[in-house]
Amino acid sequence: MKTQYESSKIVVFESALYRTTSTVIVLNNSVIIVDPNWLPHEIDYIRTFVTSNYPAHKQYILFTHSDYDHIIGYGAFPDATTFASKAFHENPEKSTILQQITEFDNEFYISRPYKVTFPDINIVINEDYQTITIDQTDLIFYLADGHTNDGIFVCIPSLSVWIAGDYLSNIEIPIIEHNYSAYMNTIRKAATIYEKHTDISLLITGHGDLATNRDEIKKRIELDMQYLQNLRLPTDGDEDSDAFKIIKTYSDNPNLIKAHEMNKIKVKAADITDK
C-alpha cells in the first residue's frame, strides 16, 4: 500500500481507490487509526503495520464521517475504542450504508475476512472544541456538517496536525451530500480554526494530497469558499465560465463536472429552505 507521508508520529496511507487516505497517529502508549479503508489487502496492511510496530499500544479508531468508504475497515480492529460525532452515533441510515458496502463488495467479488458492521461508538463528539486527552495529548474536535451531516474535524496542536475528513481536498471540489448552507458554515469554521490554531501546519484530507504548510492550507480554504460562493451565481454551462475554471483548478477529472451538477441541486434546495 502506498505511504503518502511518514514521520515518527504520523503515517498517512493512500488507497488505490479515489486516493482515499488512512492515517495512523502514534502517541506514547496509544495509536489512533483514522478511517481505515478500502480493499481487504489495504486494510490488512494497515492492521499489520499497527500490530507489528505497536503491539502493546491501545488502539483507537477515529471516524471522520459515515460515508461507507470511511467505515469499511472497522471490523478489522475489533479491540479498538472508537470516536465519532453524535450524528454519526445516531445515524438512522446505518442499514443503507452497510448495503452500500455489500453492493460494492458484490460488484467486485470481494470477500472480507471480518464481519462488516456499522461502528459502535465509544466516545461521542457533541460540540465544537470538545477536547479529549489521550496520553497527555489533546485532541480538539469540531463538528463539520455539509458533506455529510455527521462529519468532524480534529486538531492535535502538539503534533501540528489537522484531520479534515472529506473537506479541503486538492483534487475534489466540495461535494455536498447533505446541505449547502451547512457546508458554507463548515468552511467558514475552517477559516476560524486556521486563525485560532496557528501551530497547525499539516492538513490531512480524506482524498488526495496532504497540505504540508500553512500557506497551502489557507489556499485550500479560500478556494473551497470561492467555489461554494460561485455555485450561487447563474451560469450557462459554458466550459469557459468561471464555475468550470474553478473546477479545473482541482482536477481535469470529468467526474467533478457530474459532482458539480449535483451540487447545484443542493443549492436550489438550500434556496428554498432559506426563504
C-alpha atoms as a PDB file:
ATOM      1  CA  MET A   1       0.000   0.000   0.000  1.00  0.00           C
ATOM      2  CA  LYS A   2       1.266   3.459  -0.836  1.00  0.00           C
ATOM      3  CA  THR A   3       2.626   5.569   2.010  1.00  0.00           C
ATOM      4  CA  GLN A   4       1.937   9.212   1.230  1.00  0.00           C
ATOM      5  CA  TYR A   5       3.590  10.668   4.326  1.00  0.00           C
ATOM      6  CA  GLU A   6       5.626   9.364   7.247  1.00  0.00           C
ATOM      7  CA  SER A   7       7.162  10.880  10.340  1.00  0.00           C
ATOM      8  CA  SER A   8       7.957   9.480  13.772  1.00  0.00           C
ATOM      9  CA  LYS A   9       4.378  10.133  14.940  1.00  0.00           C
ATOM     10  CA  ILE A  10       2.202  10.199  11.815  1.00  0.00           C
ATOM     11  CA  VAL A  11       1.866   7.843   8.847  1.00  0.00           C
ATOM     12  CA  VAL A  12      -0.626   8.505   6.046  1.00  0.00           C
ATOM     13  CA  PHE A  13      -1.514   5.601   3.768  1.00  0.00           C
ATOM     14  CA  GLU A  14      -3.199   6.060   0.409  1.00  0.00           C
ATOM     15  CA  SER A  15      -5.612   3.593  -1.163  1.00  0.00           C
ATOM     16  CA  ALA A  16      -5.578   2.799  -4.861  1.00  0.00           C
ATOM     17  CA  LEU A  17      -9.256   3.798  -4.911  1.00  0.00           C
ATOM     18  CA  TYR A  18     -10.106   7.509  -5.075  1.00  0.00           C
ATOM     19  CA  ARG A  19      -6.765   8.299  -3.426  1.00  0.00           C
ATOM     20  CA  THR A  20      -8.506   7.758  -0.086  1.00  0.00           C
ATOM     21  CA  THR A  21      -6.283   8.233   2.938  1.00  0.00           C
ATOM     22  CA  SER A  22      -5.984   6.278   6.183  1.00  0.00           C
ATOM     23  CA  THR A  23      -3.895   7.833   8.928  1.00  0.00           C
ATOM     24  CA  VAL A  24      -2.056   6.265  11.867  1.00  0.00           C
ATOM     25  CA  ILE A  25      -1.086   8.583  14.724  1.00  0.00           C
ATOM     26  CA  VAL A  26       1.299   7.251  17.349  1.00  0.00           C
ATOM     27  CA  LEU A  27       1.212   8.534  20.913  1.00  0.00           C
ATOM     28  CA  ASN A  28       3.133   7.321  23.982  1.00  0.00           C
ATOM     29  CA  ASN A  29       1.142   4.161  24.651  1.00  0.00           C
ATOM     30  CA  SER A  30      -1.691   4.511  22.154  1.00  0.00           C
ATOM     31  CA  VAL A  31      -2.259   4.522  18.422  1.00  0.00           C
ATOM     32  CA  ILE A  32      -5.103   6.301  16.618  1.00  0.00           C
ATOM     33  CA  ILE A  33      -6.251   4.930  13.265  1.00  0.00           C
ATOM     34  CA  VAL A  34      -8.295   7.313  11.113  1.00  0.00           C
ATOM     35  CA  ASP A  35     -10.831   5.916   8.595  1.00  0.00           C
ATOM     36  CA  PRO A  36      -9.096   2.605   7.721  1.00  0.00           C
ATOM     37  CA  ASN A  37     -10.034   1.705   4.134  1.00  0.00           C
ATOM     38  CA  TRP A  38     -10.604   0.378   1.262  1.00  0.00           C
ATOM     39  CA  LEU A  39      -9.656  -3.001  -0.150  1.00  0.00           C
ATOM     40  CA  PRO A  40      -9.096  -6.023   2.127  1.00  0.00           C
ATOM     41  CA  HIS A  41      -5.361  -6.224   1.446  1.00  0.00           C
ATOM     42  CA  GLU A  42      -5.004  -2.476   2.101  1.00  0.00           C
ATOM     43  CA  ILE A  43      -6.827  -2.702   5.411  1.00  0.00           C
ATOM     44  CA  ASP A  44      -4.750  -5.743   6.347  1.00  0.00           C
ATOM     45  CA  TYR A  45      -1.598  -3.761   5.508  1.00  0.00           C
ATOM     46  CA  ILE A  46      -2.661  -1.028   7.947  1.00  0.00           C
ATOM     47  CA  ARG A  47      -3.627  -3.551  10.621  1.00  0.00           C
ATOM     48  CA  THR A  48      -0.318  -5.400  10.252  1.00  0.00           C
ATOM     49  CA  PHE A  49       1.610  -2.121  10.386  1.00  0.00           C
ATOM     50  CA  VAL A  50      -0.076  -1.233  13.665  1.00  0.00           C
ATOM     51  CA  THR A  51       0.134  -4.645  15.342  1.00  0.00           C
ATOM     52  CA  SER A  52       3.726  -5.268  14.242  1.00  0.00           C
ATOM     53  CA  ASN A  53       5.119  -1.894  15.231  1.00  0.00           C
ATOM     54  CA  TYR A  54       2.926  -1.104  18.228  1.00  0.00           C
ATOM     55  CA  PRO A  55       1.736  -4.449  19.630  1.00  0.00           C
ATOM     56  CA  ALA A  56       1.236  -3.170  23.177  1.00  0.00           C
ATOM     57  CA  HIS A  57      -0.353   0.166  22.267  1.00  0.00           C
ATOM     58  CA  LYS A  58      -4.041   0.757  22.978  1.00  0.00           C
ATOM     59  CA  GLN A  59      -5.912   1.129  19.688  1.00  0.00           C
ATOM     60  CA  TYR A  60      -8.368   3.888  18.842  1.00  0.00           C
ATOM     61  CA  ILE A  61     -10.292   4.448  15.620  1.00  0.00           C
ATOM     62  CA  LEU A  62     -11.436   7.913  14.625  1.00  0.00           C
ATOM     63  CA  PHE A  63     -14.226   8.106  12.043  1.00  0.00           C
ATOM     64  CA  THR A  64     -14.406  11.490  10.334  1.00  0.00           C
ATOM     65  CA  HIS A  65     -17.875  10.754   8.904  1.00  0.00           C
ATOM     66  CA  SER A  66     -20.134   7.859   7.930  1.00  0.00           C
ATOM     67  CA  ASP A  67     -19.652   7.539   4.155  1.00  0.00           C
ATOM     68  CA  TYR A  68     -19.285   3.822   3.544  1.00  0.00           C
ATOM     69  CA  ASP A  69     -15.729   4.027   2.249  1.00  0.00           C
ATOM     70  CA  HIS A  70     -14.631   5.565   5.550  1.00  0.00           C
ATOM     71  CA  ILE A  71     -16.184   2.913   7.810  1.00  0.00           C
ATOM     72  CA  ILE A  72     -15.448  -0.102   5.625  1.00  0.00           C
ATOM     73  CA  GLY A  73     -12.404  -1.255   7.629  1.00  0.00           C
ATOM     74  CA  TYR A  74     -13.976  -1.058  11.075  1.00  0.00           C
ATOM     75  CA  GLY A  75     -14.306  -4.819  11.532  1.00  0.00           C
ATOM     76  CA  ALA A  76     -10.562  -5.385  11.166  1.00  0.00           C
ATOM     77  CA  PHE A  77      -9.921  -3.646  14.502  1.00  0.00           C
ATOM     78  CA  PRO A  78     -12.306  -5.348  16.950  1.00  0.00           C
ATOM     79  CA  ASP A  79     -10.473  -4.193  20.082  1.00  0.00           C
ATOM     80  CA  ALA A  80     -10.272  -0.515  19.177  1.00  0.00           C
ATOM     81  CA  THR A  81     -12.012   2.277  21.087  1.00  0.00           C
ATOM     82  CA  THR A  82     -13.958   4.452  18.666  1.00  0.00           C
ATOM     83  CA  PHE A  83     -14.539   8.195  18.196  1.00  0.00           C
ATOM     84  CA  ALA A  84     -17.214   9.845  16.061  1.00  0.00           C
ATOM     85  CA  SER A  85     -19.821  12.584  16.174  1.00  0.00           C
ATOM     86  CA  LYS A  86     -23.190  12.300  17.904  1.00  0.00           C
ATOM     87  CA  ALA A  87     -24.889  12.435  14.492  1.00  0.00           C
ATOM     88  CA  PHE A  88     -22.706   9.523  13.357  1.00  0.00           C
ATOM     89  CA  HIS A  89     -23.593   7.577  16.509  1.00  0.00           C
ATOM     90  CA  GLU A  90     -27.315   8.211  15.986  1.00  0.00           C
ATOM     91  CA  ASN A  91     -27.305   7.840  12.194  1.00  0.00           C
ATOM     92  CA  PRO A  92     -30.716   6.497  11.083  1.00  0.00           C
ATOM     93  CA  GLU A  93     -29.293   5.268   7.760  1.00  0.00           C
ATOM     94  CA  LYS A  94     -26.930   2.618   9.152  1.00  0.00           C
ATOM     95  CA  SER A  95     -28.513  -0.231   7.196  1.00  0.00           C
ATOM     96  CA  THR A  96     -28.360   1.767   3.958  1.00  0.00           C
ATOM     97  CA  ILE A  97     -24.649   2.449   4.456  1.00  0.00           C
ATOM     98  CA  LEU A  98     -23.955  -1.229   5.145  1.00  0.00           C
ATOM     99  CA  GLN A  99     -25.887  -2.121   1.989  1.00  0.00           C
ATOM    100  CA  GLN A 100     -23.573   0.163   0.010  1.00  0.00           C
ATOM    101  CA  ILE A 101     -20.604  -1.846   1.282  1.00  0.00           C
ATOM    102  CA  THR A 102     -22.345  -5.089   0.356  1.00  0.00           C
ATOM    103  CA  GLU A 103     -23.105  -3.820  -3.144  1.00  0.00           C
ATOM    104  CA  PHE A 104     -19.513  -2.656  -3.629  1.00  0.00           C
ATOM    105  CA  ASP A 105     -18.098  -5.988  -2.489  1.00  0.00           C
ATOM    106  CA  ASN A 106     -20.582  -7.940  -4.608  1.00  0.00           C
ATOM    107  CA  GLU A 107     -19.790  -5.912  -7.709  1.00  0.00           C
ATOM    108  CA  PHE A 108     -16.081  -6.682  -7.468  1.00  0.00           C
ATOM    109  CA  TYR A 109     -16.350 -10.184  -5.946  1.00  0.00           C
ATOM    110  CA  ILE A 110     -14.649  -9.011  -2.776  1.00  0.00           C
ATOM    111  CA  SER A 111     -14.586 -11.230   0.295  1.00  0.00           C
ATOM    112  CA  ARG A 112     -13.577  -9.681   3.603  1.00  0.00           C
ATOM    113  CA  PRO A 113     -12.010 -11.664   6.476  1.00  0.00           C
ATOM    114  CA  TYR A 114     -14.061  -9.770   9.054  1.00  0.00           C
ATOM    115  CA  LYS A 115     -17.733  -9.074   9.663  1.00  0.00           C
ATOM    116  CA  VAL A 116     -18.967  -5.834   8.116  1.00  0.00           C
ATOM    117  CA  THR A 117     -20.934  -3.863  10.704  1.00  0.00           C
ATOM    118  CA  PHE A 118     -21.685  -0.220  11.372  1.00  0.00           C
ATOM    119  CA  PRO A 119     -19.270   1.100  14.011  1.00  0.00           C
ATOM    120  CA  ASP A 120     -20.294   1.158  17.636  1.00  0.00           C
ATOM    121  CA  ILE A 121     -19.068   4.463  19.038  1.00  0.00           C
ATOM    122  CA  ASN A 122     -17.464   4.622  22.469  1.00  0.00           C
ATOM    123  CA  ILE A 123     -16.538   8.308  22.638  1.00  0.00           C
ATOM    124  CA  VAL A 124     -19.161  10.650  21.180  1.00  0.00           C
ATOM    125  CA  ILE A 125     -18.321  14.167  19.975  1.00  0.00           C
ATOM    126  CA  ASN A 126     -21.178  16.536  20.816  1.00  0.00           C
ATOM    127  CA  GLU A 127     -19.860  20.049  20.271  1.00  0.00           C
ATOM    128  CA  ASP A 128     -17.161  22.309  18.909  1.00  0.00           C
ATOM    129  CA  TYR A 129     -13.919  22.498  20.860  1.00  0.00           C
ATOM    130  CA  GLN A 130     -14.673  19.277  22.732  1.00  0.00           C
ATOM    131  CA  THR A 131     -11.270  18.104  23.911  1.00  0.00           C
ATOM    132  CA  ILE A 132     -10.262  14.513  24.597  1.00  0.00           C
ATOM    133  CA  THR A 133      -6.865  13.845  26.180  1.00  0.00           C
ATOM    134  CA  ILE A 134      -5.023  10.620  25.351  1.00  0.00           C
ATOM    135  CA  ASP A 135      -1.502  10.002  26.656  1.00  0.00           C
ATOM    136  CA  GLN A 136      -1.169  13.652  27.687  1.00  0.00           C
ATOM    137  CA  THR A 137      -2.075  14.653  24.109  1.00  0.00           C
ATOM    138  CA  ASP A 138      -5.095  16.900  23.473  1.00  0.00           C
ATOM    139  CA  LEU A 139      -7.416  16.101  20.564  1.00  0.00           C
ATOM    140  CA  ILE A 140      -9.645  19.099  19.845  1.00  0.00           C
ATOM    141  CA  PHE A 141     -12.807  18.318  17.889  1.00  0.00           C
ATOM    142  CA  TYR A 142     -15.116  20.452  15.763  1.00  0.00           C
ATOM    143  CA  LEU A 143     -18.391  19.451  14.131  1.00  0.00           C
ATOM    144  CA  ALA A 144     -18.175  19.630  10.325  1.00  0.00           C
ATOM    145  CA  ASP A 145     -21.502  19.305   8.532  1.00  0.00           C
ATOM    146  CA  GLY A 146     -22.295  19.782   4.866  1.00  0.00           C
ATOM    147  CA  HIS A 147     -20.535  16.981   3.040  1.00  0.00           C
ATOM    148  CA  THR A 148     -22.496  14.670   5.330  1.00  0.00           C
ATOM    149  CA  ASN A 149     -24.459  15.663   8.419  1.00  0.00           C
ATOM    150  CA  ASP A 150     -22.101  13.838  10.794  1.00  0.00           C
ATOM    151  CA  GLY A 151     -18.584  14.998   9.973  1.00  0.00           C
ATOM    152  CA  ILE A 152     -15.898  16.120  12.387  1.00  0.00           C
ATOM    153  CA  PHE A 153     -12.566  17.886  12.260  1.00  0.00           C
ATOM    154  CA  VAL A 154      -9.860  17.084  14.788  1.00  0.00           C
ATOM    155  CA  CYS A 155      -6.827  19.216  15.574  1.00  0.00           C
ATOM    156  CA  ILE A 156      -3.855  17.905  17.534  1.00  0.00           C
ATOM    157  CA  PRO A 157      -1.817  21.034  18.302  1.00  0.00           C
ATOM    158  CA  SER A 158       1.136  19.201  19.862  1.00  0.00           C
ATOM    159  CA  LEU A 159       1.627  17.369  16.545  1.00  0.00           C
ATOM    160  CA  SER A 160       0.727  20.405  14.395  1.00  0.00           C
ATOM    161  CA  VAL A 161      -1.874  18.301  12.560  1.00  0.00           C
ATOM    162  CA  TRP A 162      -5.454  18.881  11.418  1.00  0.00           C
ATOM    163  CA  ILE A 163      -7.507  15.912  10.200  1.00  0.00           C
ATOM    164  CA  ALA A 164     -10.212  17.266   7.900  1.00  0.00           C
ATOM    165  CA  GLY A 165     -12.085  14.224   6.586  1.00  0.00           C
ATOM    166  CA  ASP A 166     -13.646  14.864   3.176  1.00  0.00           C
ATOM    167  CA  TYR A 167     -13.051  18.612   3.263  1.00  0.00           C
ATOM    168  CA  LEU A 168     -10.269  20.791   1.858  1.00  0.00           C
ATOM    169  CA  SER A 169      -9.072  18.300  -0.737  1.00  0.00           C
ATOM    170  CA  ASN A 170      -6.750  19.431  -3.502  1.00  0.00           C
ATOM    171  CA  ILE A 171      -8.281  17.001  -6.030  1.00  0.00           C
ATOM    172  CA  GLU A 172     -12.022  17.220  -5.299  1.00  0.00           C
ATOM    173  CA  ILE A 173     -14.391  20.146  -5.371  1.00  0.00           C
ATOM    174  CA  PRO A 174     -16.584  20.403  -2.276  1.00  0.00           C
ATOM    175  CA  ILE A 175     -19.064  17.536  -2.636  1.00  0.00           C
ATOM    176  CA  ILE A 176     -22.339  18.412  -0.955  1.00  0.00           C
ATOM    177  CA  GLU A 177     -24.117  15.229   0.031  1.00  0.00           C
ATOM    178  CA  HIS A 178     -26.022  16.827   2.901  1.00  0.00           C
ATOM    179  CA  ASN A 179     -26.619  20.591   2.838  1.00  0.00           C
ATOM    180  CA  TYR A 180     -25.164  23.606   1.025  1.00  0.00           C
ATOM    181  CA  SER A 181     -25.638  26.134   3.834  1.00  0.00           C
ATOM    182  CA  ALA A 182     -24.081  23.749   6.348  1.00  0.00           C
ATOM    183  CA  TYR A 183     -21.093  23.252   4.033  1.00  0.00           C
ATOM    184  CA  MET A 184     -20.605  27.020   3.779  1.00  0.00           C
ATOM    185  CA  ASN A 185     -20.666  27.263   7.569  1.00  0.00           C
ATOM    186  CA  THR A 186     -18.090  24.482   7.853  1.00  0.00           C
ATOM    187  CA  ILE A 187     -15.691  26.266   5.503  1.00  0.00           C
ATOM    188  CA  ARG A 188     -16.188  29.478   7.482  1.00  0.00           C
ATOM    189  CA  LYS A 189     -15.414  27.423  10.586  1.00  0.00           C
ATOM    190  CA  ALA A 190     -12.304  26.066   8.847  1.00  0.00           C
ATOM    191  CA  ALA A 191     -11.092  29.643   8.353  1.00  0.00           C
ATOM    192  CA  THR A 192     -11.629  30.298  12.069  1.00  0.00           C
ATOM    193  CA  ILE A 193      -9.784  27.110  13.014  1.00  0.00           C
ATOM    194  CA  TYR A 194      -6.891  28.158  10.769  1.00  0.00           C
ATOM    195  CA  GLU A 195      -6.634  31.514  12.546  1.00  0.00           C
ATOM    196  CA  LYS A 196      -7.052  30.016  16.022  1.00  0.00           C
ATOM    197  CA  HIS A 197      -4.612  27.117  15.703  1.00  0.00           C
ATOM    198  CA  THR A 198      -1.524  28.920  14.468  1.00  0.00           C
ATOM    199  CA  ASP A 199       0.562  25.859  15.345  1.00  0.00           C
ATOM    200  CA  ILE A 200      -1.175  23.709  12.697  1.00  0.00           C
ATOM    201  CA  SER A 201       0.976  23.164   9.610  1.00  0.00           C
ATOM    202  CA  LEU A 202      -0.101  19.707   8.385  1.00  0.00           C
ATOM    203  CA  LEU A 203      -3.583  19.121   6.954  1.00  0.00           C
ATOM    204  CA  ILE A 204      -4.722  15.562   6.216  1.00  0.00           C
ATOM    205  CA  THR A 205      -7.716  15.291   3.933  1.00  0.00           C
ATOM    206  CA  GLY A 206      -9.767  12.196   3.099  1.00  0.00           C
ATOM    207  CA  HIS A 207      -8.865  12.161  -0.600  1.00  0.00           C
ATOM    208  CA  GLY A 208      -5.766  13.478  -2.292  1.00  0.00           C
ATOM    209  CA  ASP A 209      -2.563  15.078  -1.074  1.00  0.00           C
ATOM    210  CA  LEU A 210      -1.703  16.427   2.333  1.00  0.00           C
ATOM    211  CA  ALA A 211      -1.102  20.122   2.767  1.00  0.00           C
ATOM    212  CA  THR A 212       2.266  20.476   4.445  1.00  0.00           C
ATOM    213  CA  ASN A 213       2.395  24.202   5.193  1.00  0.00           C
ATOM    214  CA  ARG A 214       0.060  26.949   6.338  1.00  0.00           C
ATOM    215  CA  ASP A 215       0.048  28.784   3.010  1.00  0.00           C
ATOM    216  CA  GLU A 216      -1.319  25.678   1.288  1.00  0.00           C
ATOM    217  CA  ILE A 217      -3.952  25.172   3.993  1.00  0.00           C
ATOM    218  CA  LYS A 218      -5.116  28.776   3.626  1.00  0.00           C
ATOM    219  CA  LYS A 219      -5.214  28.418  -0.160  1.00  0.00           C
ATOM    220  CA  ARG A 220      -7.475  25.371   0.082  1.00  0.00           C
ATOM    221  CA  ILE A 221      -9.888  27.129   2.442  1.00  0.00           C
ATOM    222  CA  GLU A 222     -10.078  30.140   0.131  1.00  0.00           C
ATOM    223  CA  LEU A 223     -10.548  28.019  -2.998  1.00  0.00           C
ATOM    224  CA  ASP A 224     -13.355  25.970  -1.441  1.00  0.00           C
ATOM    225  CA  MET A 225     -15.068  29.176  -0.318  1.00  0.00           C
ATOM    226  CA  GLN A 226     -14.691  30.652  -3.800  1.00  0.00           C
ATOM    227  CA  TYR A 227     -16.195  27.546  -5.362  1.00  0.00           C
ATOM    228  CA  LEU A 228     -19.145  27.452  -2.945  1.00  0.00           C
ATOM    229  CA  GLN A 229     -19.895  31.140  -3.461  1.00  0.00           C
ATOM    230  CA  ASN A 230     -19.697  30.648  -7.230  1.00  0.00           C
ATOM    231  CA  LEU A 231     -22.345  27.927  -7.017  1.00  0.00           C
ATOM    232  CA  ARG A 232     -24.967  30.595  -6.324  1.00  0.00           C
ATOM    233  CA  LEU A 233     -24.079  32.544  -9.474  1.00  0.00           C
ATOM    234  CA  PRO A 234     -26.083  31.918 -12.672  1.00  0.00           C
ATOM    235  CA  THR A 235     -24.076  30.058 -15.316  1.00  0.00           C
ATOM    236  CA  ASP A 236     -24.827  28.965 -18.843  1.00  0.00           C
ATOM    237  CA  GLY A 237     -22.886  25.718 -18.601  1.00  0.00           C
ATOM    238  CA  ASP A 238     -20.162  27.073 -20.874  1.00  0.00           C
ATOM    239  CA  GLU A 239     -16.850  25.366 -20.208  1.00  0.00           C
ATOM    240  CA  ASP A 240     -15.208  28.790 -20.299  1.00  0.00           C
ATOM    241  CA  SER A 241     -17.396  30.012 -17.416  1.00  0.00           C
ATOM    242  CA  ASP A 242     -15.944  30.924 -14.040  1.00  0.00           C
ATOM    243  CA  ALA A 243     -17.524  27.825 -12.494  1.00  0.00           C
ATOM    244  CA  PHE A 244     -15.726  25.452 -14.837  1.00  0.00           C
ATOM    245  CA  LYS A 245     -12.444  27.326 -14.468  1.00  0.00           C
ATOM    246  CA  ILE A 246     -12.616  26.865 -10.705  1.00  0.00           C
ATOM    247  CA  ILE A 247     -13.399  23.159 -11.068  1.00  0.00           C
ATOM    248  CA  LYS A 248     -10.354  22.658 -13.286  1.00  0.00           C
ATOM    249  CA  THR A 249      -8.236  24.198 -10.542  1.00  0.00           C
ATOM    250  CA  TYR A 250      -8.885  20.989  -8.595  1.00  0.00           C
ATOM    251  CA  SER A 251      -8.673  18.429 -11.407  1.00  0.00           C
ATOM    252  CA  ASP A 252      -9.500  17.708 -15.043  1.00  0.00           C
ATOM    253  CA  ASN A 253     -11.424  14.605 -13.980  1.00  0.00           C
ATOM    254  CA  PRO A 254     -14.819  14.767 -15.768  1.00  0.00           C
ATOM    255  CA  ASN A 255     -16.498  13.204 -12.736  1.00  0.00           C
ATOM    256  CA  LEU A 256     -16.090  16.557 -10.993  1.00  0.00           C
ATOM    257  CA  ILE A 257     -18.484  18.076 -13.520  1.00  0.00           C
ATOM    258  CA  LYS A 258     -21.086  15.478 -12.531  1.00  0.00           C
ATOM    259  CA  ALA A 259     -20.495  16.305  -8.869  1.00  0.00           C
ATOM    260  CA  HIS A 260     -20.836  19.992  -9.696  1.00  0.00           C
ATOM    261  CA  GLU A 261     -24.246  19.395 -11.269  1.00  0.00           C
ATOM    262  CA  MET A 262     -25.380  17.539  -8.152  1.00  0.00           C
ATOM    263  CA  ASN A 263     -24.079  20.422  -6.017  1.00  0.00           C
ATOM    264  CA  LYS A 264     -26.252  22.867  -7.963  1.00  0.00           C
ATOM    265  CA  ILE A 265     -29.298  20.791  -7.000  1.00  0.00           C
ATOM    266  CA  LYS A 266     -28.286  21.126  -3.350  1.00  0.00           C
ATOM    267  CA  VAL A 267     -28.014  24.906  -3.787  1.00  0.00           C
ATOM    268  CA  LYS A 268     -31.552  25.074  -5.161  1.00  0.00           C
ATOM    269  CA  ALA A 269     -32.766  23.040  -2.196  1.00  0.00           C
ATOM    270  CA  ALA A 270     -30.985  25.432   0.179  1.00  0.00           C
ATOM    271  CA  ASP A 271     -32.526  28.456  -1.566  1.00  0.00           C
ATOM    272  CA  ILE A 272     -35.998  27.015  -0.983  1.00  0.00           C
ATOM    273  CA  THR A 273     -35.250  26.175   2.664  1.00  0.00           C
ATOM    274  CA  ASP A 274     -33.627  29.531   3.423  1.00  0.00           C
ATOM    275  CA  LYS A 275     -36.600  31.575   2.152  1.00  0.00           C
END
